Amino acid sequence: MVDYNPDGKARTVERIIADVDDVCPNSYLETAKTRWIAQLDMLIWRDLFLQARNPELDYTWPKCKCWQVLISPPDDDIYDLYLRAQIEFHNGEYEKYQNSAAFYDVRYREFAAWFINEYRPAQGYVRRR
């Protein structure tokens, strides 16, 4: 299996929440934001890494607050954009949500294209050199 976090520098669930809260103040509890981060990592795990469901990705607060997410810098802004989109959607701020969701979609597609080109997951993660 490929090492998705080769440098060990991925942010933690807690750090992502704190970073988003700094730029997008909200009243949602860490439990909800952790669940949204877990949903994103489960989608990445299934749809991009082509792996079967992984119960370890079902993060819960506060148990998993120090756990690292799957994607490390410079692509980890995907989490911030996804979390902001979820906050705006649940606030009923649909124009803001559409903008954040569009930015998230662009960044996710960029990461996906790089990852697929670099690791070729459908062929068993043979990293190109």
Protein backbone atom coordinates (compact mmCIF):
# COMPACT_ATOMS: atom_id res chain seq x y z
CA MET A 1 0.00 0.00 0.00
CA VAL A 2 1.15 3.50 -0.78
CA ASP A 3 2.08 5.94 1.96
CA TYR A 4 -0.43 8.77 1.52
CA ASN A 5 1.37 10.98 4.01
CA PRO A 6 5.01 10.30 3.18
CA ASP A 7 6.48 13.23 5.08
CA GLY A 8 4.26 12.87 8.16
CA LYS A 9 3.32 16.54 7.96
CA ALA A 10 -0.43 16.27 7.47
CA ARG A 11 -2.47 18.47 9.74
CA THR A 12 -4.55 17.03 12.52
CA VAL A 13 -8.33 17.14 12.73
CA GLU A 14 -8.01 19.67 15.56
CA ARG A 15 -5.66 21.94 13.54
CA ILE A 16 -7.98 21.97 10.53
CA ILE A 17 -10.93 22.92 12.71
CA ALA A 18 -8.93 25.68 14.40
CA ASP A 19 -7.69 27.04 11.06
CA VAL A 20 -11.20 27.14 9.62
CA ASP A 21 -12.65 28.68 12.78
CA ASP A 22 -10.04 31.47 12.51
CA VAL A 23 -11.29 32.58 9.09
CA CYS A 24 -14.90 31.42 9.24
CA PRO A 25 -16.31 31.92 12.75
CA ASN A 26 -19.21 29.56 13.40
CA SER A 27 -21.22 28.00 16.18
CA TYR A 28 -20.89 24.37 15.12
CA LEU A 29 -19.44 21.96 17.63
CA GLU A 30 -16.20 20.13 17.02
CA THR A 31 -18.20 16.90 16.81
CA ALA A 32 -20.00 18.09 13.66
CA LYS A 33 -16.85 19.48 12.06
CA THR A 34 -14.96 16.27 12.86
CA ARG A 35 -17.75 14.27 11.21
CA TRP A 36 -17.47 16.42 8.06
CA ILE A 37 -13.70 15.92 7.94
CA ALA A 38 -14.23 12.18 8.37
CA GLN A 39 -16.75 12.18 5.51
CA LEU A 40 -14.20 13.81 3.24
CA ASP A 41 -11.43 11.38 4.20
CA MET A 42 -13.80 8.45 3.62
CA LEU A 43 -14.63 9.78 0.15
CA ILE A 44 -10.94 10.24 -0.66
CA TRP A 45 -10.17 6.76 0.65
CA ARG A 46 -12.94 5.12 -1.39
CA ASP A 47 -13.13 7.17 -4.58
CA LEU A 48 -9.55 8.27 -5.10
CA PHE A 49 -7.39 5.74 -3.27
CA LEU A 50 -9.75 2.93 -4.40
CA GLN A 51 -9.73 1.23 -1.02
CA ALA A 52 -12.49 -0.62 0.82
CA ARG A 53 -14.21 1.13 3.71
CA ASN A 54 -11.82 1.86 6.55
CA PRO A 55 -13.43 2.16 10.01
CA GLU A 56 -10.34 4.03 11.26
CA LEU A 57 -11.49 7.00 9.17
CA ASP A 58 -14.72 7.32 11.13
CA TYR A 59 -13.23 10.09 13.30
CA THR A 60 -14.97 11.15 16.49
CA TRP A 61 -14.30 14.16 18.70
CA PRO A 62 -12.35 14.32 21.01
CA LYS A 63 -10.90 10.81 20.55
CA CYS A 64 -9.49 11.56 17.08
CA LYS A 65 -8.66 15.26 17.40
CA CYS A 66 -4.90 14.58 17.21
CA TRP A 67 -5.15 12.21 14.24
CA GLN A 68 -3.65 13.29 10.94
CA VAL A 69 -5.83 13.50 7.86
CA LEU A 70 -4.96 11.68 4.63
CA ILE A 71 -3.73 14.59 2.54
CA SER A 72 -0.69 16.65 3.52
CA PRO A 73 0.46 20.10 2.35
CA PRO A 74 0.35 21.67 -0.14
CA ASP A 75 -2.97 20.02 -1.01
CA ASP A 76 -4.54 19.98 2.44
CA ASP A 77 -6.45 23.21 1.80
CA ILE A 78 -9.05 20.82 0.39
CA TYR A 79 -10.16 20.20 3.99
CA ASP A 80 -10.54 23.91 4.75
CA LEU A 81 -12.62 24.48 1.63
CA TYR A 82 -14.81 21.45 2.30
CA LEU A 83 -15.37 22.41 5.93
CA ARG A 84 -16.21 26.01 5.01
CA ALA A 85 -18.67 24.77 2.38
CA GLN A 86 -20.36 22.52 4.95
CA ILE A 87 -20.64 25.37 7.45
CA GLU A 88 -22.10 27.73 4.85
CA PHE A 89 -24.52 25.09 3.58
CA HIS A 90 -25.81 24.33 7.06
CA ASN A 91 -26.09 28.07 7.78
CA GLY A 92 -28.31 28.45 4.71
CA GLU A 93 -25.74 30.78 3.10
CA TYR A 94 -26.20 29.21 -0.31
CA GLU A 95 -24.31 31.79 -2.38
CA LYS A 96 -21.27 31.50 -0.14
CA TYR A 97 -21.71 27.73 -0.17
CA GLN A 98 -21.70 27.63 -3.97
CA ASN A 99 -18.48 29.63 -4.09
CA SER A 100 -16.74 27.50 -1.46
CA ALA A 101 -18.01 24.29 -3.05
CA ALA A 102 -16.70 25.42 -6.44
CA PHE A 103 -13.25 26.22 -5.00
CA TYR A 104 -13.26 22.87 -3.17
CA ASP A 105 -14.20 21.05 -6.38
CA VAL A 106 -11.36 22.68 -8.34
CA ARG A 107 -8.77 21.87 -5.66
CA TYR A 108 -10.04 18.30 -5.23
CA ARG A 109 -9.88 17.70 -8.99
CA GLU A 110 -6.35 19.13 -9.14
CA PHE A 111 -5.23 16.85 -6.32
CA ALA A 112 -7.02 13.86 -7.85
CA ALA A 113 -5.35 14.42 -11.22
CA TRP A 114 -1.92 14.67 -9.60
CA PHE A 115 -2.51 11.63 -7.38
CA ILE A 116 -3.80 9.45 -10.22
CA ASN A 117 -0.88 10.45 -12.43
CA GLU A 118 1.66 9.92 -9.65
CA TYR A 119 0.37 6.69 -8.10
CA ARG A 120 -1.91 5.06 -10.70
CA PRO A 121 -4.23 3.57 -8.04
CA ALA A 122 -6.17 1.41 -10.51
CA GLN A 123 -2.91 -0.44 -11.25
CA GLY A 124 -2.00 -1.17 -7.65
CA TYR A 125 -0.16 2.02 -6.67
CA VAL A 126 2.92 1.76 -8.80
CA ARG A 127 4.52 5.12 -8.18
CA ARG A 128 5.96 6.71 -11.28
CA ARG A 129 9.60 7.73 -11.07
